[in-house]
C-alpha atoms as a PDB file:
ATOM      1  CA  MET A   1      -0.408   0.163   0.187  1.00  0.00           C
ATOM      2  CA  SER A   2       1.462   3.381  -0.675  1.00  0.00           C
ATOM      3  CA  ALA A   3       1.283   6.303   1.113  1.00  0.00           C
ATOM      4  CA  ALA A   4      -1.264   7.771  -1.275  1.00  0.00           C
ATOM      5  CA  ASP A   5      -3.400   4.983  -0.895  1.00  0.00           C
ATOM      6  CA  ARG A   6      -3.430   4.545   2.840  1.00  0.00           C
ATOM      7  CA  ARG A   7      -4.467   8.705   2.831  1.00  0.00           C
ATOM      8  CA  GLY A   8      -7.261   8.393   0.369  1.00  0.00           C
ATOM      9  CA  LEU A   9      -7.821   5.068   2.754  1.00  0.00           C
ATOM     10  CA  LEU A  10      -8.092   6.986   5.838  1.00  0.00           C
ATOM     11  CA  LYS A  11      -9.741  10.059   3.979  1.00  0.00           C
ATOM     12  CA  LEU A  12     -12.584   8.090   2.991  1.00  0.00           C
ATOM     13  CA  MET A  13     -13.033   5.993   5.831  1.00  0.00           C
ATOM     14  CA  LEU A  14     -13.384   9.681   7.681  1.00  0.00           C
ATOM     15  CA  LYS A  15     -15.723  10.515   5.061  1.00  0.00           C
ATOM     16  CA  MET A  16     -17.544   7.567   5.538  1.00  0.00           C
ATOM     17  CA  PRO A  17     -17.885   5.997   8.624  1.00  0.00           C
ATOM     18  CA  ALA A  18     -20.782   3.548   8.218  1.00  0.00           C
ATOM     19  CA  LEU A  19     -18.394   1.704   5.479  1.00  0.00           C
ATOM     20  CA  ARG A  20     -14.938   1.913   7.674  1.00  0.00           C
ATOM     21  CA  GLY A  21     -14.808  -1.773   8.837  1.00  0.00           C
ATOM     22  CA  GLN A  22     -15.853  -2.928   5.348  1.00  0.00           C
ATOM     23  CA  LEU A  23     -13.041  -0.230   3.837  1.00  0.00           C
ATOM     24  CA  GLN A  24     -10.482  -1.481   6.084  1.00  0.00           C
ATOM     25  CA  VAL A  25     -11.201  -5.496   5.287  1.00  0.00           C
ATOM     26  CA  LEU A  26     -11.229  -4.732   1.336  1.00  0.00           C
ATOM     27  CA  SER A  27      -8.306  -2.921   1.603  1.00  0.00           C
ATOM     28  CA  ALA A  28      -6.566  -5.337   2.679  1.00  0.00           C
ATOM     29  CA  ARG A  29      -7.507  -7.913  -0.229  1.00  0.00           C
ATOM     30  CA  ASP A  30      -8.094  -5.552  -3.130  1.00  0.00           C
ATOM     31  CA  GLU A  31      -5.624  -3.748  -4.976  1.00  0.00           C
ATOM     32  CA  GLY A  32      -8.641  -2.209  -6.629  1.00  0.00           C
ATOM     33  CA  ILE A  33      -9.862  -0.666  -3.919  1.00  0.00           C
ATOM     34  CA  LEU A  34      -6.290   0.358  -2.967  1.00  0.00           C
ATOM     35  CA  GLY A  35      -6.251   2.260  -6.434  1.00  0.00           C
ATOM     36  CA  LEU A  36      -9.499   4.020  -5.655  1.00  0.00           C
ATOM     37  CA  CYS A  37      -8.132   5.491  -2.294  1.00  0.00           C
ATOM     38  CA  GLY A  38      -5.097   6.514  -4.042  1.00  0.00           C
ATOM     39  CA  ALA A  39      -6.784   8.644  -6.763  1.00  0.00           C
ATOM     40  CA  PHE A  40      -9.534  10.031  -4.135  1.00  0.00           C
ATOM     41  CA  ASP A  41      -6.059  11.419  -2.369  1.00  0.00           C
ATOM     42  CA  ASP A  42      -4.500  12.450  -5.350  1.00  0.00           C
ATOM     43  CA  ALA A  43      -7.845  13.810  -6.138  1.00  0.00           C
ATOM     44  CA  THR A  44      -8.928  15.820  -3.121  1.00  0.00           C
ATOM     45  CA  ASP A  45      -5.222  17.136  -2.476  1.00  0.00           C
ATOM     46  CA  THR A  46      -5.688  18.698  -6.269  1.00  0.00           C
ATOM     47  CA  LEU A  47      -9.375  19.992  -5.132  1.00  0.00           C
ATOM     48  CA  GLU A  48      -7.990  21.517  -1.810  1.00  0.00           C
ATOM     49  CA  ARG A  49      -5.190  23.185  -3.858  1.00  0.00           C
ATOM     50  CA  LEU A  50      -7.059  24.809  -6.286  1.00  0.00           C
ATOM     51  CA  ARG A  51      -9.734  26.038  -3.699  1.00  0.00           C
ATOM     52  CA  LEU A  52      -7.113  27.672  -1.536  1.00  0.00           C
ATOM     53  CA  SER A  53      -5.392  29.369  -4.586  1.00  0.00           C
ATOM     54  CA  ASP A  54      -7.934  31.291  -6.739  1.00  0.00           C
ATOM     55  CA  PRO A  55     -11.343  29.821  -6.526  1.00  0.00           C
ATOM     56  CA  GLU A  56     -13.055  31.992  -9.166  1.00  0.00           C
ATOM     57  CA  ARG A  57     -10.355  31.332 -12.026  1.00  0.00           C
ATOM     58  CA  HIS A  58     -10.000  27.718 -11.331  1.00  0.00           C
ATOM     59  CA  ARG A  59     -14.010  27.437 -10.642  1.00  0.00           C
ATOM     60  CA  LEU A  60     -14.768  24.825 -13.877  1.00  0.00           C
ATOM     61  CA  ILE A  61     -12.009  22.775 -12.991  1.00  0.00           C
ATOM     62  CA  ILE A  62     -12.830  22.957  -9.125  1.00  0.00           C
ATOM     63  CA  LEU A  63     -16.162  21.459 -10.930  1.00  0.00           C
ATOM     64  CA  GLU A  64     -14.509  18.884 -12.629  1.00  0.00           C
ATOM     65  CA  TYR A  65     -12.445  18.002  -9.371  1.00  0.00           C
ATOM     66  CA  GLU A  66     -15.757  18.028  -7.186  1.00  0.00           C
ATOM     67  CA  ASN A  67     -17.420  15.545  -9.731  1.00  0.00           C
ATOM     68  CA  ILE A  68     -14.458  13.013  -9.489  1.00  0.00           C
ATOM     69  CA  CYS A  69     -13.881  13.020  -6.166  1.00  0.00           C
ATOM     70  CA  ALA A  70     -18.021  12.470  -6.025  1.00  0.00           C
ATOM     71  CA  GLU A  71     -17.601   9.213  -8.847  1.00  0.00           C
ATOM     72  CA  ILE A  72     -15.311   8.155  -6.585  1.00  0.00           C
ATOM     73  CA  GLU A  73     -17.224   8.019  -3.416  1.00  0.00           C
ATOM     74  CA  GLN A  74     -19.942   6.415  -5.586  1.00  0.00           C
ATOM     75  CA  ASP A  75     -17.671   3.846  -6.647  1.00  0.00           C
ATOM     76  CA  ILE A  76     -16.554   2.855  -3.338  1.00  0.00           C
ATOM     77  CA  ILE A  77     -19.843   2.568  -1.761  1.00  0.00           C
ATOM     78  CA  LYS A  78     -21.107   0.258  -4.740  1.00  0.00           C
ATOM     79  CA  ILE A  79     -18.071  -2.047  -4.437  1.00  0.00           C
ATOM     80  CA  CYS A  80     -18.548  -2.365  -0.659  1.00  0.00           C
ATOM     81  CA  ILE A  81     -22.804  -2.869  -1.230  1.00  0.00           C
ATOM     82  CA  GLY A  82     -21.773  -5.446  -4.271  1.00  0.00           C
ATOM     83  CA  GLY A  83     -19.497  -7.010  -2.166  1.00  0.00           C
ATOM     84  CA  GLY A  84     -16.006  -6.376  -2.964  1.00  0.00           C
ATOM     85  CA  LYS A  85     -15.882  -6.296  -6.639  1.00  0.00           C
ATOM     86  CA  GLY A  86     -13.319  -3.961  -7.781  1.00  0.00           C
ATOM     87  CA  PRO A  87     -12.831  -1.688 -10.783  1.00  0.00           C
ATOM     88  CA  ASN A  88     -11.401  -4.042 -13.737  1.00  0.00           C
END
């Protein structure tokens, strides 16, 4: 597990406390989940930087990153509900 995977997993566990246990179990055995965790970390870090730098100037890209984060969250929820079938 990379540092980005770990940070993303922790962020997702904080954001979705009802899925914490499942996320811990799935992340230990499913590299697809870890990839999504790493992507979530990257996307949320970028989103935060954009929001802090010049939100009005970066308005459209901020919206895009908000959508990316929401899509990753939805993918994680689907995997947890579906019993652990990660992305291909």
